[in-house]
Amino acid sequence: MNTLTFPNRVLTQSLSPQVIEADTFLDFTPRPRPAVSTLEQALTLLHDAERVISSQESRIHALEKRAQTDDMTGLLNRTGFQAALRRELVIARRTEKHAGLLIVLDMDDFGQVNDLYGHEVGDTCLQTVANVLLNEVRNSDYVARLESDTFALLLPLIGMKAAGARLEVIERTLNNRVMHSRAHAIPLRASFGFAVLHETETPETLLMIADKKLYTSKARRKMGMKG
């Protein structure tokens, strides 16, 4: 027996009469329209969601990095440096080893640079200091501008002998540097303080120890004494 199937659709024009045999069965059962696979829809939605989440995570990471970066020098700011110091102390507690060396330095008589040559030259001076410090550290070290003309370095997982030698090199290199700007030769001079990182210390305590040694060094330099 022949079967004629008519899908469930609207005819847009009339059909010419056709002769249907007596033993033909007419099937008018509606046929469902093709649907998009449920799995395909789910995968598409998942892909879109992952793309949005990835974009948001990138924006959050960029904002966090900006919040921890000094705009002038591109170094870490105080917030970023303290976060790095906390991370290294956690590592020191976990490994039960010395975390390394914290160095704080402050430019000597920096206010005179701004007074004599202007703030633009002063900014260039700070950027020069940042470049000198970056050139004298390892990729695993941290360099920061804490405020104004005060900088800090964190040398994690380094022996005390090597740390002392590195401190001497950084101090000598910076204090022998002369910056040239607008036909002026401006010598860079800085006083240094440091603290040995132990797993039992806190970031605040370590910075206080380094600051105390820094100001002792600065007072000695003003008196014309070495160190």
N, C-alpha and C. Protein backbone atom coordinates (compact mmCIF):
# COMPACT_ATOMS: atom_id res chain seq x y z
N MET A 1 0.87 -1.20 0.00
CA MET A 1 0.00 0.00 0.00
C MET A 1 0.89 1.23 0.00
N ASN A 2 0.61 2.19 -0.86
CA ASN A 2 1.39 3.43 -0.94
C ASN A 2 0.98 4.39 0.18
N THR A 3 1.98 5.15 0.68
CA THR A 3 1.72 6.13 1.74
C THR A 3 2.21 7.48 1.30
N LEU A 4 1.42 8.49 1.42
CA LEU A 4 1.79 9.87 1.11
C LEU A 4 1.90 10.64 2.42
N THR A 5 3.04 11.22 2.62
CA THR A 5 3.27 11.96 3.88
C THR A 5 3.26 13.45 3.60
N PHE A 6 2.51 14.22 4.41
CA PHE A 6 2.44 15.67 4.28
C PHE A 6 3.04 16.29 5.54
N PRO A 7 4.23 16.82 5.46
CA PRO A 7 4.82 17.48 6.65
C PRO A 7 3.92 18.62 7.13
N ASN A 8 4.12 18.98 8.42
CA ASN A 8 3.30 20.03 9.03
C ASN A 8 3.82 21.39 8.58
N ARG A 9 3.37 21.91 7.43
CA ARG A 9 3.79 23.19 6.90
C ARG A 9 2.63 23.87 6.19
N VAL A 10 2.79 25.16 6.01
CA VAL A 10 1.75 25.94 5.34
C VAL A 10 2.05 25.99 3.86
N LEU A 11 1.06 25.64 3.03
CA LEU A 11 1.23 25.69 1.58
C LEU A 11 1.03 27.11 1.10
N THR A 12 1.95 27.60 0.31
CA THR A 12 1.87 28.99 -0.16
C THR A 12 1.09 29.12 -1.47
N GLN A 13 0.81 28.03 -2.12
CA GLN A 13 0.02 28.10 -3.34
C GLN A 13 -0.80 26.82 -3.50
N SER A 14 -1.90 26.92 -4.25
CA SER A 14 -2.78 25.76 -4.42
C SER A 14 -2.12 24.74 -5.33
N LEU A 15 -2.49 23.47 -5.10
CA LEU A 15 -1.94 22.38 -5.90
C LEU A 15 -3.01 21.89 -6.88
N SER A 16 -2.56 21.46 -7.99
CA SER A 16 -3.52 20.93 -8.98
C SER A 16 -4.07 19.61 -8.49
N PRO A 17 -5.34 19.33 -8.71
CA PRO A 17 -5.95 18.07 -8.26
C PRO A 17 -5.16 16.90 -8.82
N GLN A 18 -4.93 15.92 -7.97
CA GLN A 18 -4.24 14.71 -8.39
C GLN A 18 -5.12 13.51 -8.10
N VAL A 19 -4.96 12.51 -8.91
CA VAL A 19 -5.74 11.28 -8.76
C VAL A 19 -5.04 10.41 -7.72
N ILE A 20 -5.79 10.02 -6.68
CA ILE A 20 -5.24 9.19 -5.61
C ILE A 20 -5.85 7.82 -5.72
N GLU A 21 -5.00 6.82 -5.75
CA GLU A 21 -5.49 5.46 -5.88
C GLU A 21 -6.28 5.06 -4.66
N ALA A 22 -7.17 4.13 -4.86
CA ALA A 22 -8.09 3.74 -3.80
C ALA A 22 -7.39 3.11 -2.62
N ASP A 23 -6.26 2.41 -2.86
CA ASP A 23 -5.60 1.72 -1.75
C ASP A 23 -4.48 2.55 -1.12
N THR A 24 -4.47 3.90 -1.40
CA THR A 24 -3.44 4.76 -0.84
C THR A 24 -3.88 5.30 0.52
N PHE A 25 -2.91 5.22 1.55
CA PHE A 25 -3.21 5.72 2.89
C PHE A 25 -2.61 7.12 3.04
N LEU A 26 -3.43 8.07 3.42
CA LEU A 26 -2.98 9.44 3.59
C LEU A 26 -2.54 9.66 5.03
N ASP A 27 -1.24 9.99 5.25
CA ASP A 27 -0.68 10.20 6.59
C ASP A 27 -0.54 11.69 6.85
N PHE A 28 -1.42 12.21 7.72
CA PHE A 28 -1.38 13.64 8.07
C PHE A 28 -0.75 13.87 9.45
N THR A 29 0.05 12.92 9.96
CA THR A 29 0.67 13.06 11.28
C THR A 29 1.69 14.21 11.25
N PRO A 30 1.58 15.22 12.19
CA PRO A 30 2.54 16.35 12.21
C PRO A 30 3.96 15.85 12.47
N ARG A 31 4.91 16.42 11.78
CA ARG A 31 6.32 16.08 11.98
C ARG A 31 7.01 17.23 12.73
N PRO A 32 7.78 16.95 13.79
CA PRO A 32 8.45 18.03 14.53
C PRO A 32 9.52 18.71 13.68
N ARG A 33 9.66 20.05 13.90
CA ARG A 33 10.69 20.78 13.18
C ARG A 33 12.07 20.45 13.75
N PRO A 34 13.12 20.49 12.92
CA PRO A 34 14.47 20.22 13.43
C PRO A 34 14.83 21.23 14.52
N ALA A 35 15.40 20.76 15.67
CA ALA A 35 15.77 21.61 16.80
C ALA A 35 17.28 21.58 17.00
N VAL A 36 17.84 22.69 17.53
CA VAL A 36 19.26 22.74 17.83
C VAL A 36 19.55 21.78 18.98
N SER A 37 20.61 21.04 18.87
CA SER A 37 20.98 20.07 19.88
C SER A 37 21.14 20.73 21.25
N THR A 38 20.52 20.11 22.28
CA THR A 38 20.64 20.64 23.64
C THR A 38 22.11 20.68 24.07
N LEU A 39 22.88 19.66 23.73
CA LEU A 39 24.30 19.61 24.06
C LEU A 39 25.06 20.74 23.37
N GLU A 40 24.72 21.00 22.12
CA GLU A 40 25.38 22.07 21.38
C GLU A 40 25.09 23.42 22.02
N GLN A 41 23.86 23.64 22.43
CA GLN A 41 23.50 24.88 23.11
C GLN A 41 24.27 25.04 24.42
N ALA A 42 24.37 23.95 25.18
CA ALA A 42 25.07 24.00 26.46
C ALA A 42 26.54 24.33 26.26
N LEU A 43 27.16 23.71 25.25
CA LEU A 43 28.57 23.97 24.97
C LEU A 43 28.80 25.41 24.54
N THR A 44 27.86 25.95 23.77
CA THR A 44 27.97 27.34 23.33
C THR A 44 27.87 28.29 24.52
N LEU A 45 26.91 28.03 25.42
CA LEU A 45 26.75 28.86 26.61
C LEU A 45 27.98 28.77 27.51
N LEU A 46 28.52 27.55 27.64
CA LEU A 46 29.71 27.36 28.47
C LEU A 46 30.89 28.12 27.90
N HIS A 47 31.07 28.06 26.58
CA HIS A 47 32.17 28.78 25.93
C HIS A 47 32.03 30.29 26.15
N ASP A 48 30.81 30.80 26.00
CA ASP A 48 30.57 32.24 26.20
C ASP A 48 30.87 32.64 27.65
N ALA A 49 30.45 31.79 28.59
CA ALA A 49 30.67 32.09 30.01
C ALA A 49 32.16 32.09 30.33
N GLU A 50 32.89 31.12 29.80
CA GLU A 50 34.34 31.05 30.04
C GLU A 50 35.04 32.27 29.46
N ARG A 51 34.60 32.73 28.31
CA ARG A 51 35.20 33.90 27.68
C ARG A 51 34.96 35.15 28.54
N VAL A 52 33.76 35.30 29.07
CA VAL A 52 33.44 36.45 29.92
C VAL A 52 34.25 36.40 31.21
N ILE A 53 34.34 35.20 31.82
CA ILE A 53 35.10 35.06 33.07
C ILE A 53 36.57 35.36 32.84
N SER A 54 37.13 34.87 31.73
CA SER A 54 38.54 35.12 31.41
C SER A 54 38.80 36.61 31.23
N SER A 55 37.87 37.29 30.56
CA SER A 55 38.01 38.73 30.35
C SER A 55 37.95 39.48 31.68
N GLN A 56 37.04 39.07 32.56
CA GLN A 56 36.92 39.73 33.85
C GLN A 56 38.15 39.48 34.72
N GLU A 57 38.68 38.25 34.67
CA GLU A 57 39.88 37.94 35.45
C GLU A 57 41.06 38.77 34.97
N SER A 58 41.17 38.97 33.67
CA SER A 58 42.26 39.78 33.12
C SER A 58 42.15 41.22 33.59
N ARG A 59 40.93 41.75 33.61
CA ARG A 59 40.72 43.12 34.07
C ARG A 59 41.04 43.25 35.55
N ILE A 60 40.62 42.26 36.35
CA ILE A 60 40.89 42.29 37.78
C ILE A 60 42.39 42.24 38.03
N HIS A 61 43.09 41.36 37.28
CA HIS A 61 44.54 41.24 37.43
C HIS A 61 45.24 42.56 37.07
N ALA A 62 44.77 43.20 36.00
CA ALA A 62 45.36 44.47 35.57
C ALA A 62 45.13 45.55 36.63
N LEU A 63 43.94 45.58 37.22
CA LEU A 63 43.64 46.57 38.27
C LEU A 63 44.47 46.31 39.52
N GLU A 64 44.63 45.03 39.89
CA GLU A 64 45.44 44.70 41.06
C GLU A 64 46.89 45.11 40.84
N LYS A 65 47.40 44.83 39.63
CA LYS A 65 48.78 45.19 39.32
C LYS A 65 48.97 46.70 39.36
N ARG A 66 48.00 47.42 38.81
CA ARG A 66 48.09 48.89 38.83
C ARG A 66 48.05 49.43 40.24
N ALA A 67 47.26 48.79 41.10
CA ALA A 67 47.14 49.25 42.48
C ALA A 67 48.43 49.02 43.27
N GLN A 68 49.30 48.12 42.77
CA GLN A 68 50.54 47.80 43.47
C GLN A 68 51.77 48.35 42.75
N THR A 69 51.57 49.23 41.78
CA THR A 69 52.68 49.74 40.98
C THR A 69 52.80 51.26 41.13
N ASP A 70 54.05 51.72 41.23
CA ASP A 70 54.33 53.16 41.29
C ASP A 70 54.27 53.72 39.87
N ASP A 71 53.42 54.70 39.65
CA ASP A 71 53.20 55.23 38.30
C ASP A 71 54.46 55.85 37.70
N MET A 72 55.25 56.53 38.50
CA MET A 72 56.40 57.26 37.96
C MET A 72 57.52 56.33 37.50
N THR A 73 57.85 55.34 38.32
CA THR A 73 59.02 54.50 38.05
C THR A 73 58.67 53.13 37.48
N GLY A 74 57.43 52.71 37.63
CA GLY A 74 57.06 51.37 37.19
C GLY A 74 57.45 50.29 38.19
N LEU A 75 58.04 50.69 39.33
CA LEU A 75 58.40 49.73 40.36
C LEU A 75 57.17 49.39 41.21
N LEU A 76 57.33 48.44 42.11
CA LEU A 76 56.29 48.20 43.09
C LEU A 76 56.13 49.43 43.98
N ASN A 77 54.92 49.65 44.46
CA ASN A 77 54.73 50.69 45.47
C ASN A 77 54.76 50.02 46.86
N ARG A 78 54.49 50.77 47.89
CA ARG A 78 54.56 50.21 49.25
C ARG A 78 53.62 49.02 49.41
N THR A 79 52.41 49.14 48.89
CA THR A 79 51.44 48.05 49.01
C THR A 79 51.95 46.79 48.33
N GLY A 80 52.45 46.93 47.12
CA GLY A 80 52.95 45.78 46.39
C GLY A 80 54.17 45.17 47.05
N PHE A 81 55.05 46.02 47.59
CA PHE A 81 56.27 45.52 48.22
C PHE A 81 55.94 44.76 49.50
N GLN A 82 55.04 45.29 50.30
CA GLN A 82 54.67 44.60 51.53
C GLN A 82 54.01 43.26 51.24
N ALA A 83 53.24 43.20 50.15
CA ALA A 83 52.64 41.92 49.76
C ALA A 83 53.71 40.91 49.38
N ALA A 84 54.73 41.36 48.64
CA ALA A 84 55.84 40.48 48.27
C ALA A 84 56.61 40.02 49.51
N LEU A 85 56.81 40.93 50.45
CA LEU A 85 57.52 40.61 51.68
C LEU A 85 56.76 39.57 52.49
N ARG A 86 55.45 39.70 52.56
CA ARG A 86 54.63 38.72 53.27
C ARG A 86 54.73 37.34 52.61
N ARG A 87 54.70 37.32 51.27
CA ARG A 87 54.80 36.04 50.55
C ARG A 87 56.12 35.35 50.86
N GLU A 88 57.22 36.11 50.83
CA GLU A 88 58.54 35.51 51.06
C GLU A 88 58.68 35.03 52.50
N LEU A 89 58.06 35.70 53.45
CA LEU A 89 58.10 35.24 54.83
C LEU A 89 57.31 33.95 55.01
N VAL A 90 56.23 33.81 54.29
CA VAL A 90 55.46 32.55 54.32
C VAL A 90 56.32 31.41 53.80
N ILE A 91 57.05 31.66 52.72
CA ILE A 91 57.95 30.64 52.16
C ILE A 91 59.03 30.29 53.18
N ALA A 92 59.56 31.30 53.86
CA ALA A 92 60.61 31.08 54.85
C ALA A 92 60.10 30.22 56.01
N ARG A 93 58.86 30.48 56.44
CA ARG A 93 58.30 29.68 57.53
C ARG A 93 58.07 28.24 57.10
N ARG A 94 57.68 28.06 55.84
CA ARG A 94 57.40 26.71 55.34
C ARG A 94 58.68 25.91 55.16
N THR A 95 59.75 26.57 54.72
CA THR A 95 61.00 25.87 54.46
C THR A 95 61.97 25.93 55.63
N GLU A 96 61.62 26.77 56.65
CA GLU A 96 62.46 26.94 57.83
C GLU A 96 63.86 27.41 57.45
N LYS A 97 63.91 28.35 56.53
CA LYS A 97 65.18 28.93 56.10
C LYS A 97 65.09 30.45 56.17
N HIS A 98 66.26 31.09 56.20
CA HIS A 98 66.27 32.55 56.13
C HIS A 98 65.69 32.98 54.79
N ALA A 99 64.86 34.00 54.80
CA ALA A 99 64.22 34.45 53.56
C ALA A 99 65.12 35.32 52.71
N GLY A 100 66.17 35.92 53.32
CA GLY A 100 67.05 36.75 52.52
C GLY A 100 67.35 38.08 53.19
N LEU A 101 67.40 39.13 52.36
CA LEU A 101 67.80 40.45 52.87
C LEU A 101 66.84 41.52 52.38
N LEU A 102 66.46 42.40 53.29
CA LEU A 102 65.65 43.57 52.98
C LEU A 102 66.55 44.79 53.02
N ILE A 103 66.53 45.59 51.96
CA ILE A 103 67.35 46.81 51.87
C ILE A 103 66.43 48.01 51.68
N VAL A 104 66.67 49.05 52.46
CA VAL A 104 65.93 50.30 52.30
C VAL A 104 66.95 51.41 52.05
N LEU A 105 66.69 52.27 51.09
CA LEU A 105 67.61 53.38 50.81
C LEU A 105 66.84 54.68 50.61
N ASP A 106 67.48 55.76 50.99
CA ASP A 106 66.86 57.08 50.91
C ASP A 106 67.87 58.03 50.28
N MET A 107 67.42 58.81 49.28
CA MET A 107 68.32 59.73 48.60
C MET A 107 68.74 60.87 49.53
N ASP A 108 70.01 61.19 49.48
CA ASP A 108 70.53 62.28 50.32
C ASP A 108 70.28 63.64 49.65
N ASP A 109 69.74 64.57 50.43
CA ASP A 109 69.52 65.95 49.96
C ASP A 109 68.74 66.01 48.66
N PHE A 110 67.75 65.14 48.52
CA PHE A 110 66.97 65.12 47.28
C PHE A 110 66.15 66.39 47.12
N GLY A 111 65.74 66.98 48.24
CA GLY A 111 64.95 68.20 48.16
C GLY A 111 65.70 69.31 47.43
N GLN A 112 67.02 69.33 47.55
CA GLN A 112 67.81 70.36 46.88
C GLN A 112 67.76 70.20 45.36
N VAL A 113 67.64 68.96 44.90
CA VAL A 113 67.55 68.72 43.46
C VAL A 113 66.28 69.38 42.91
N ASN A 114 65.18 69.18 43.60
CA ASN A 114 63.92 69.80 43.17
C ASN A 114 64.00 71.32 43.25
N ASP A 115 64.63 71.83 44.30
CA ASP A 115 64.72 73.28 44.49
C ASP A 115 65.61 73.93 43.43
N LEU A 116 66.73 73.28 43.11
CA LEU A 116 67.69 73.88 42.18
C LEU A 116 67.33 73.67 40.71
N TYR A 117 66.79 72.48 40.40
CA TYR A 117 66.59 72.13 38.98
C TYR A 117 65.13 71.94 38.58
N GLY A 118 64.23 71.91 39.55
CA GLY A 118 62.82 71.73 39.24
C GLY A 118 62.37 70.29 39.43
N HIS A 119 61.07 70.11 39.56
CA HIS A 119 60.50 68.79 39.83
C HIS A 119 60.63 67.85 38.64
N GLU A 120 60.66 68.38 37.44
CA GLU A 120 60.83 67.50 36.28
C GLU A 120 62.17 66.79 36.32
N VAL A 121 63.21 67.54 36.65
CA VAL A 121 64.54 66.94 36.79
C VAL A 121 64.55 65.99 37.99
N GLY A 122 63.86 66.36 39.05
CA GLY A 122 63.76 65.48 40.21
C GLY A 122 63.11 64.15 39.86
N ASP A 123 62.06 64.20 39.04
CA ASP A 123 61.40 62.97 38.61
C ASP A 123 62.36 62.11 37.78
N THR A 124 63.12 62.75 36.91
CA THR A 124 64.10 62.02 36.10
C THR A 124 65.15 61.37 36.98
N CYS A 125 65.52 62.07 38.03
CA CYS A 125 66.48 61.53 39.00
C CYS A 125 65.94 60.25 39.64
N LEU A 126 64.69 60.28 40.05
CA LEU A 126 64.08 59.10 40.67
C LEU A 126 63.98 57.94 39.69
N GLN A 127 63.66 58.23 38.44
CA GLN A 127 63.59 57.19 37.43
C GLN A 127 64.97 56.60 37.16
N THR A 128 66.00 57.43 37.23
CA THR A 128 67.37 56.94 37.05
C THR A 128 67.75 56.00 38.18
N VAL A 129 67.40 56.38 39.40
CA VAL A 129 67.66 55.51 40.55
C VAL A 129 66.97 54.16 40.37
N ALA A 130 65.72 54.19 39.91
CA ALA A 130 64.98 52.94 39.69
C ALA A 130 65.70 52.05 38.68
N ASN A 131 66.20 52.65 37.60
CA ASN A 131 66.90 51.86 36.58
C ASN A 131 68.20 51.27 37.11
N VAL A 132 68.92 52.05 37.91
CA VAL A 132 70.17 51.55 38.50
C VAL A 132 69.88 50.34 39.38
N LEU A 133 68.86 50.43 40.20
CA LEU A 133 68.52 49.33 41.11
C LEU A 133 68.08 48.09 40.34
N LEU A 134 67.27 48.28 39.32
CA LEU A 134 66.81 47.15 38.52
C LEU A 134 67.96 46.42 37.84
N ASN A 135 68.97 47.18 37.43
CA ASN A 135 70.11 46.58 36.75
C ASN A 135 71.03 45.81 37.69
N GLU A 136 70.86 46.00 39.00
CA GLU A 136 71.77 45.38 39.96
C GLU A 136 71.13 44.23 40.75
N VAL A 137 69.95 43.79 40.34
CA VAL A 137 69.28 42.72 41.08
C VAL A 137 69.00 41.53 40.17
N ARG A 138 68.63 40.41 40.79
CA ARG A 138 68.26 39.21 40.05
C ARG A 138 66.80 39.30 39.61
N ASN A 139 66.42 38.42 38.71
CA ASN A 139 65.02 38.39 38.25
C ASN A 139 64.07 38.02 39.39
N SER A 140 64.59 37.29 40.37
CA SER A 140 63.75 36.86 41.49
C SER A 140 63.65 37.90 42.60
N ASP A 141 64.39 39.00 42.48
CA ASP A 141 64.37 40.05 43.51
C ASP A 141 63.23 41.05 43.27
N TYR A 142 62.94 41.83 44.28
CA TYR A 142 61.89 42.84 44.20
C TYR A 142 62.49 44.24 44.43
N VAL A 143 62.02 45.19 43.65
CA VAL A 143 62.45 46.58 43.80
C VAL A 143 61.21 47.46 43.90
N ALA A 144 61.22 48.40 44.84
CA ALA A 144 60.03 49.22 45.07
C ALA A 144 60.41 50.66 45.38
N ARG A 145 59.51 51.54 45.07
CA ARG A 145 59.59 52.92 45.54
C ARG A 145 58.53 53.06 46.62
N LEU A 146 58.98 53.16 47.86
CA LEU A 146 58.04 53.19 48.98
C LEU A 146 57.31 54.52 49.09
N GLU A 147 58.05 55.61 48.90
CA GLU A 147 57.48 56.95 48.95
C GLU A 147 58.54 57.94 48.51
N SER A 148 58.13 59.04 47.95
CA SER A 148 59.02 60.13 47.59
C SER A 148 60.36 59.62 47.06
N ASP A 149 61.43 59.80 47.85
CA ASP A 149 62.77 59.39 47.40
C ASP A 149 63.29 58.20 48.21
N THR A 150 62.37 57.40 48.75
CA THR A 150 62.74 56.20 49.51
C THR A 150 62.42 54.95 48.69
N PHE A 151 63.42 54.09 48.56
CA PHE A 151 63.29 52.86 47.78
C PHE A 151 63.58 51.66 48.66
N ALA A 152 63.16 50.49 48.19
CA ALA A 152 63.42 49.26 48.94
C ALA A 152 63.70 48.12 47.98
N LEU A 153 64.52 47.19 48.44
CA LEU A 153 64.82 45.99 47.66
C LEU A 153 64.63 44.78 48.56
N LEU A 154 64.16 43.70 47.98
CA LEU A 154 64.00 42.44 48.69
C LEU A 154 64.75 41.37 47.92
N LEU A 155 65.76 40.78 48.57
CA LEU A 155 66.57 39.74 47.96
C LEU A 155 66.27 38.43 48.68
N PRO A 156 65.31 37.66 48.18
CA PRO A 156 64.92 36.43 48.88
C PRO A 156 65.90 35.27 48.62
N LEU A 157 65.92 34.36 49.58
CA LEU A 157 66.68 33.11 49.44
C LEU A 157 68.11 33.35 48.97
N ILE A 158 68.83 34.16 49.72
CA ILE A 158 70.22 34.45 49.40
C ILE A 158 71.04 34.33 50.68
N GLY A 159 72.22 33.74 50.57
CA GLY A 159 73.08 33.60 51.74
C GLY A 159 73.57 34.94 52.22
N MET A 160 73.94 35.01 53.50
CA MET A 160 74.31 36.29 54.09
C MET A 160 75.59 36.85 53.48
N LYS A 161 76.53 35.99 53.13
CA LYS A 161 77.76 36.46 52.52
C LYS A 161 77.46 37.08 51.15
N ALA A 162 76.67 36.38 50.36
CA ALA A 162 76.30 36.89 49.03
C ALA A 162 75.44 38.14 49.15
N ALA A 163 74.57 38.17 50.16
CA ALA A 163 73.71 39.35 50.36
C ALA A 163 74.54 40.58 50.72
N GLY A 164 75.53 40.39 51.59
CA GLY A 164 76.39 41.51 51.96
C GLY A 164 77.17 42.03 50.77
N ALA A 165 77.67 41.11 49.94
CA ALA A 165 78.42 41.52 48.74
C ALA A 165 77.52 42.27 47.77
N ARG A 166 76.29 41.79 47.63
CA ARG A 166 75.34 42.45 46.71
C ARG A 166 74.99 43.84 47.22
N LEU A 167 74.80 44.00 48.51
CA LEU A 167 74.50 45.31 49.10
C LEU A 167 75.64 46.29 48.83
N GLU A 168 76.88 45.84 48.99
CA GLU A 168 78.03 46.71 48.73
C GLU A 168 78.08 47.16 47.27
N VAL A 169 77.79 46.24 46.36
CA VAL A 169 77.80 46.57 44.93
C VAL A 169 76.71 47.60 44.61
N ILE A 170 75.52 47.40 45.14
CA ILE A 170 74.41 48.31 44.87
C ILE A 170 74.72 49.70 45.42
N GLU A 171 75.24 49.74 46.65
CA GLU A 171 75.56 51.03 47.28
C GLU A 171 76.66 51.76 46.50
N ARG A 172 77.68 51.02 46.12
CA ARG A 172 78.79 51.65 45.39
C ARG A 172 78.35 52.13 44.01
N THR A 173 77.57 51.31 43.32
CA THR A 173 77.12 51.66 41.96
C THR A 173 76.25 52.90 41.97
N LEU A 174 75.30 52.95 42.90
CA LEU A 174 74.38 54.09 42.95
C LEU A 174 75.10 55.37 43.36
N ASN A 175 75.96 55.28 44.37
CA ASN A 175 76.63 56.48 44.88
C ASN A 175 77.75 56.97 43.97
N ASN A 176 78.10 56.20 42.96
CA ASN A 176 79.08 56.66 41.97
C ASN A 176 78.43 57.11 40.67
N ARG A 177 77.11 57.10 40.65
CA ARG A 177 76.38 57.46 39.43
C ARG A 177 76.17 58.97 39.38
N VAL A 178 76.36 59.53 38.19
CA VAL A 178 76.10 60.95 37.97
C VAL A 178 75.06 61.07 36.86
N MET A 179 73.98 61.79 37.14
CA MET A 179 72.93 61.97 36.15
C MET A 179 73.13 63.31 35.44
N HIS A 180 73.06 63.28 34.13
CA HIS A 180 73.20 64.51 33.34
C HIS A 180 71.83 64.95 32.82
N SER A 181 71.48 66.18 33.13
CA SER A 181 70.19 66.70 32.70
C SER A 181 70.31 68.21 32.45
N ARG A 182 69.98 68.62 31.24
CA ARG A 182 69.99 70.05 30.88
C ARG A 182 71.35 70.70 31.19
N ALA A 183 72.38 70.04 30.77
CA ALA A 183 73.75 70.54 30.95
C ALA A 183 74.18 70.55 32.41
N HIS A 184 73.41 69.89 33.29
CA HIS A 184 73.78 69.82 34.69
C HIS A 184 74.23 68.39 35.01
N ALA A 185 75.28 68.26 35.77
CA ALA A 185 75.74 66.96 36.25
C ALA A 185 75.31 66.83 37.71
N ILE A 186 74.41 65.89 37.97
CA ILE A 186 73.85 65.74 39.30
C ILE A 186 74.28 64.40 39.88
N PRO A 187 75.14 64.40 40.87
CA PRO A 187 75.58 63.14 41.49
C PRO A 187 74.45 62.53 42.31
N LEU A 188 74.31 61.23 42.21
CA LEU A 188 73.31 60.52 43.00
C LEU A 188 73.96 60.03 44.28
N ARG A 189 73.32 60.32 45.40
CA ARG A 189 73.84 59.90 46.69
C ARG A 189 72.69 59.35 47.53
N ALA A 190 72.94 58.25 48.21
CA ALA A 190 71.89 57.63 49.01
C ALA A 190 72.47 56.99 50.25
N SER A 191 71.65 56.91 51.29
CA SER A 191 72.00 56.21 52.52
C SER A 191 71.22 54.90 52.55
N PHE A 192 71.82 53.85 53.14
CA PHE A 192 71.23 52.52 53.11
C PHE A 192 71.00 51.97 54.52
N GLY A 193 69.96 51.17 54.63
CA GLY A 193 69.71 50.39 55.83
C GLY A 193 69.26 49.01 55.40
N PHE A 194 69.37 48.03 56.29
CA PHE A 194 68.99 46.67 55.88
C PHE A 194 68.50 45.88 57.09
N ALA A 195 67.86 44.76 56.78
CA ALA A 195 67.41 43.83 57.82
C ALA A 195 67.47 42.42 57.24
N VAL A 196 67.99 41.49 58.03
CA VAL A 196 68.03 40.09 57.61
C VAL A 196 66.66 39.47 57.84
N LEU A 197 66.14 38.81 56.83
CA LEU A 197 64.80 38.25 56.92
C LEU A 197 64.82 36.89 57.64
N HIS A 198 64.10 36.82 58.76
CA HIS A 198 63.91 35.57 59.48
C HIS A 198 62.41 35.23 59.45
N GLU A 199 62.14 33.94 59.47
CA GLU A 199 60.75 33.50 59.36
C GLU A 199 59.90 33.94 60.54
N THR A 200 60.54 34.33 61.65
CA THR A 200 59.78 34.73 62.84
C THR A 200 59.40 36.20 62.83
N GLU A 201 59.93 36.97 61.89
CA GLU A 201 59.67 38.41 61.85
C GLU A 201 58.39 38.72 61.05
N THR A 202 57.92 39.95 61.22
CA THR A 202 56.78 40.44 60.44
C THR A 202 57.29 41.51 59.47
N PRO A 203 56.55 41.80 58.39
CA PRO A 203 56.97 42.86 57.47
C PRO A 203 57.17 44.19 58.17
N GLU A 204 56.28 44.53 59.09
CA GLU A 204 56.38 45.81 59.79
C GLU A 204 57.66 45.89 60.63
N THR A 205 57.98 44.80 61.33
CA THR A 205 59.18 44.78 62.17
C THR A 205 60.44 44.90 61.32
N LEU A 206 60.47 44.19 60.22
CA LEU A 206 61.65 44.21 59.35
C LEU A 206 61.88 45.60 58.77
N LEU A 207 60.80 46.25 58.35
CA LEU A 207 60.93 47.60 57.80
C LEU A 207 61.40 48.58 58.88
N MET A 208 60.95 48.39 60.11
CA MET A 208 61.39 49.25 61.20
C MET A 208 62.89 49.07 61.47
N ILE A 209 63.36 47.82 61.43
CA ILE A 209 64.79 47.56 61.65
C ILE A 209 65.62 48.21 60.55
N ALA A 210 65.19 48.02 59.31
CA ALA A 210 65.93 48.60 58.18
C ALA A 210 65.90 50.12 58.23
N ASP A 211 64.76 50.70 58.57
CA ASP A 211 64.64 52.16 58.67
C ASP A 211 65.57 52.73 59.74
N LYS A 212 65.66 52.03 60.87
CA LYS A 212 66.52 52.50 61.95
C LYS A 212 67.98 52.55 61.50
N LYS A 213 68.43 51.50 60.81
CA LYS A 213 69.80 51.48 60.30
C LYS A 213 69.99 52.52 59.19
N LEU A 214 68.95 52.75 58.41
CA LEU A 214 69.02 53.76 57.36
C LEU A 214 69.28 55.14 57.94
N TYR A 215 68.51 55.53 58.95
CA TYR A 215 68.66 56.87 59.51
C TYR A 215 69.94 57.02 60.31
N THR A 216 70.43 55.91 60.86
CA THR A 216 71.74 55.96 61.50
C THR A 216 72.82 56.23 60.46
N SER A 217 72.72 55.54 59.31
CA SER A 217 73.66 55.74 58.21
C SER A 217 73.58 57.16 57.68
N LYS A 218 72.37 57.68 57.55
CA LYS A 218 72.19 59.05 57.02
C LYS A 218 72.81 60.08 57.97
N ALA A 219 72.64 59.87 59.26
CA ALA A 219 73.21 60.80 60.24
C ALA A 219 74.73 60.77 60.18
N ARG A 220 75.29 59.58 60.02
CA ARG A 220 76.74 59.45 59.93
C ARG A 220 77.28 60.13 58.67
N ARG A 221 76.56 60.01 57.57
CA ARG A 221 76.99 60.62 56.31
C ARG A 221 76.96 62.14 56.42
N LYS A 222 75.95 62.66 57.10
CA LYS A 222 75.87 64.12 57.28
C LYS A 222 77.02 64.65 58.12
N MET A 223 77.51 63.78 59.01
CA MET A 223 78.62 64.16 59.85
C MET A 223 79.96 63.90 59.17
N GLY A 224 79.89 63.44 57.91
CA GLY A 224 81.12 63.18 57.17
C GLY A 224 81.77 61.87 57.53
N MET A 225 81.02 60.97 58.16
CA MET A 225 81.55 59.67 58.55
C MET A 225 81.14 58.62 57.52
N LYS A 226 81.95 57.64 57.36
CA LYS A 226 81.67 56.58 56.39
C LYS A 226 80.60 55.66 56.93
N GLY A 227 79.64 55.23 56.00
CA GLY A 227 78.64 54.25 56.37
C GLY A 227 77.32 54.84 56.74
